[in-house]
Amino acid sequence: MHQIDVVKDMSQEYYEAIKKAKATLFNVLKLMEEIVKPSKKCIDIAESIEDHIVSQGASWGFPVNICIGQIAAHYTPLIDEDSVIPADEIIKVDVGVSVD
């Protein structure tokens, strides 16, 4: 099936949900530019992102993952964790947005 066929067969409701998820994700990316900074606690960043997604009328597809340095993927900060964003490492943030 070609991409154009998928779009043609998509219901308007489904299409609107995808548009809302995309807009929410773009808003989250803007927020991340502001809050992912050295010395910020990872758990505070994750909770801010998740709260922002919910405030947009969506839900998160999975808990926010914040990976520092050699941790490649799938690390979610624990509620009582004190880890912070270092100034000298690569930071990877993985976010999923779900609508309906």
C-alpha atoms as a PDB file:
ATOM      1  CA  MET A   1       0.000   0.000   0.000  1.00  0.00           C
ATOM      2  CA  HIS A   2       1.359   3.418  -0.906  1.00  0.00           C
ATOM      3  CA  GLN A   3       1.475   6.257   1.612  1.00  0.00           C
ATOM      4  CA  ILE A   4      -1.143   8.220  -0.316  1.00  0.00           C
ATOM      5  CA  ASP A   5      -3.535   5.235  -0.074  1.00  0.00           C
ATOM      6  CA  VAL A   6      -3.071   5.111   3.709  1.00  0.00           C
ATOM      7  CA  VAL A   7      -3.909   8.813   4.028  1.00  0.00           C
ATOM      8  CA  LYS A   8      -6.950   8.454   1.760  1.00  0.00           C
ATOM      9  CA  ASP A   9      -8.263   5.523   3.837  1.00  0.00           C
ATOM     10  CA  MET A  10      -7.663   7.269   7.190  1.00  0.00           C
ATOM     11  CA  SER A  11     -10.724   8.468   9.063  1.00  0.00           C
ATOM     12  CA  GLN A  12     -10.972  12.159   9.862  1.00  0.00           C
ATOM     13  CA  GLU A  13     -10.982  11.344  13.590  1.00  0.00           C
ATOM     14  CA  TYR A  14      -7.759   9.359  13.314  1.00  0.00           C
ATOM     15  CA  TYR A  15      -6.155  12.090  11.210  1.00  0.00           C
ATOM     16  CA  GLU A  16      -7.062  14.746  13.814  1.00  0.00           C
ATOM     17  CA  ALA A  17      -5.584  12.589  16.601  1.00  0.00           C
ATOM     18  CA  ILE A  18      -2.311  12.324  14.682  1.00  0.00           C
ATOM     19  CA  LYS A  19      -2.257  16.091  14.126  1.00  0.00           C
ATOM     20  CA  LYS A  20      -2.839  16.689  17.848  1.00  0.00           C
ATOM     21  CA  ALA A  21      -0.074  14.247  18.800  1.00  0.00           C
ATOM     22  CA  LYS A  22       2.315  15.969  16.387  1.00  0.00           C
ATOM     23  CA  ALA A  23       1.494  19.431  17.738  1.00  0.00           C
ATOM     24  CA  THR A  24       1.932  18.187  21.300  1.00  0.00           C
ATOM     25  CA  LEU A  25       5.301  16.656  20.449  1.00  0.00           C
ATOM     26  CA  PHE A  26       6.495  19.893  18.829  1.00  0.00           C
ATOM     27  CA  ASN A  27       5.463  21.789  21.965  1.00  0.00           C
ATOM     28  CA  VAL A  28       7.394  19.279  24.072  1.00  0.00           C
ATOM     29  CA  LEU A  29      10.488  19.791  21.929  1.00  0.00           C
ATOM     30  CA  LYS A  30      10.290  23.545  22.571  1.00  0.00           C
ATOM     31  CA  LEU A  31       9.909  22.896  26.296  1.00  0.00           C
ATOM     32  CA  MET A  32      12.924  20.570  26.259  1.00  0.00           C
ATOM     33  CA  GLU A  33      15.090  23.334  24.794  1.00  0.00           C
ATOM     34  CA  GLU A  34      14.269  25.383  27.887  1.00  0.00           C
ATOM     35  CA  ILE A  35      14.532  22.764  30.631  1.00  0.00           C
ATOM     36  CA  VAL A  36      17.222  20.264  29.605  1.00  0.00           C
ATOM     37  CA  LYS A  37      20.190  22.135  31.065  1.00  0.00           C
ATOM     38  CA  PRO A  38      23.287  21.184  33.060  1.00  0.00           C
ATOM     39  CA  SER A  39      22.687  20.650  36.787  1.00  0.00           C
ATOM     40  CA  LYS A  40      18.915  20.097  36.328  1.00  0.00           C
ATOM     41  CA  LYS A  41      17.596  16.931  37.997  1.00  0.00           C
ATOM     42  CA  CYS A  42      16.620  14.250  35.493  1.00  0.00           C
ATOM     43  CA  ILE A  43      13.466  13.318  37.409  1.00  0.00           C
ATOM     44  CA  ASP A  44      12.301  16.956  37.392  1.00  0.00           C
ATOM     45  CA  ILE A  45      12.826  17.153  33.631  1.00  0.00           C
ATOM     46  CA  ALA A  46      10.964  13.878  33.028  1.00  0.00           C
ATOM     47  CA  GLU A  47       8.039  14.927  35.226  1.00  0.00           C
ATOM     48  CA  SER A  48       7.847  18.359  33.563  1.00  0.00           C
ATOM     49  CA  ILE A  49       7.701  16.763  30.119  1.00  0.00           C
ATOM     50  CA  GLU A  50       5.063  14.219  31.164  1.00  0.00           C
ATOM     51  CA  ASP A  51       2.973  16.920  32.869  1.00  0.00           C
ATOM     52  CA  HIS A  52       3.200  19.110  29.764  1.00  0.00           C
ATOM     53  CA  ILE A  53       1.981  16.276  27.542  1.00  0.00           C
ATOM     54  CA  VAL A  54      -1.027  15.706  29.803  1.00  0.00           C
ATOM     55  CA  SER A  55      -1.754  19.464  29.965  1.00  0.00           C
ATOM     56  CA  GLN A  56      -2.051  19.431  26.154  1.00  0.00           C
ATOM     57  CA  GLY A  57      -4.871  16.868  26.331  1.00  0.00           C
ATOM     58  CA  ALA A  58      -2.690  13.921  25.320  1.00  0.00           C
ATOM     59  CA  SER A  59      -0.990  11.140  27.248  1.00  0.00           C
ATOM     60  CA  TRP A  60       2.548   9.898  27.211  1.00  0.00           C
ATOM     61  CA  GLY A  61       3.168   6.767  25.218  1.00  0.00           C
ATOM     62  CA  PHE A  62       5.804   5.590  27.710  1.00  0.00           C
ATOM     63  CA  PRO A  63       7.703   7.174  30.608  1.00  0.00           C
ATOM     64  CA  VAL A  64      10.225   9.800  29.486  1.00  0.00           C
ATOM     65  CA  ASN A  65      13.670   8.301  28.974  1.00  0.00           C
ATOM     66  CA  ILE A  66      16.728  10.440  29.724  1.00  0.00           C
ATOM     67  CA  CYS A  67      19.987   8.807  28.755  1.00  0.00           C
ATOM     68  CA  ILE A  68      23.338  10.320  29.626  1.00  0.00           C
ATOM     69  CA  GLY A  69      26.605   9.529  27.879  1.00  0.00           C
ATOM     70  CA  GLN A  70      27.072   5.825  27.160  1.00  0.00           C
ATOM     71  CA  ILE A  71      23.534   4.841  28.187  1.00  0.00           C
ATOM     72  CA  ALA A  72      22.060   4.370  24.732  1.00  0.00           C
ATOM     73  CA  ALA A  73      18.335   4.089  25.469  1.00  0.00           C
ATOM     74  CA  HIS A  74      15.476   3.109  27.765  1.00  0.00           C
ATOM     75  CA  TYR A  75      16.572   4.740  31.007  1.00  0.00           C
ATOM     76  CA  THR A  76      13.784   6.365  32.990  1.00  0.00           C
ATOM     77  CA  PRO A  77      14.850   8.289  36.111  1.00  0.00           C
ATOM     78  CA  LEU A  78      13.481   6.889  39.354  1.00  0.00           C
ATOM     79  CA  ILE A  79      11.218   9.014  41.548  1.00  0.00           C
ATOM     80  CA  ASP A  80      13.846   9.385  44.300  1.00  0.00           C
ATOM     81  CA  GLU A  81      16.850   9.686  42.000  1.00  0.00           C
ATOM     82  CA  ASP A  82      19.270  12.593  42.357  1.00  0.00           C
ATOM     83  CA  SER A  83      20.987  12.329  38.960  1.00  0.00           C
ATOM     84  CA  VAL A  84      21.474  15.617  37.135  1.00  0.00           C
ATOM     85  CA  ILE A  85      22.299  16.678  33.605  1.00  0.00           C
ATOM     86  CA  PRO A  86      26.092  16.975  33.338  1.00  0.00           C
ATOM     87  CA  ALA A  87      27.695  19.784  31.356  1.00  0.00           C
ATOM     88  CA  ASP A  88      30.050  17.534  29.406  1.00  0.00           C
ATOM     89  CA  GLU A  89      27.968  14.611  28.124  1.00  0.00           C
ATOM     90  CA  ILE A  90      25.614  13.829  25.284  1.00  0.00           C
ATOM     91  CA  ILE A  91      22.002  13.772  26.498  1.00  0.00           C
ATOM     92  CA  LYS A  92      19.286  11.775  24.770  1.00  0.00           C
ATOM     93  CA  VAL A  93      15.635  12.315  25.631  1.00  0.00           C
ATOM     94  CA  ASP A  94      13.053   9.850  24.307  1.00  0.00           C
ATOM     95  CA  VAL A  95       9.413  10.930  24.417  1.00  0.00           C
ATOM     96  CA  GLY A  96       6.214   9.317  23.159  1.00  0.00           C
ATOM     97  CA  VAL A  97       2.872  11.081  22.723  1.00  0.00           C
ATOM     98  CA  SER A  98      -0.463   9.312  22.436  1.00  0.00           C
ATOM     99  CA  VAL A  99      -3.855  10.748  21.535  1.00  0.00           C
ATOM    100  CA  ASP A 100      -6.961   8.541  21.813  1.00  0.00           C
END
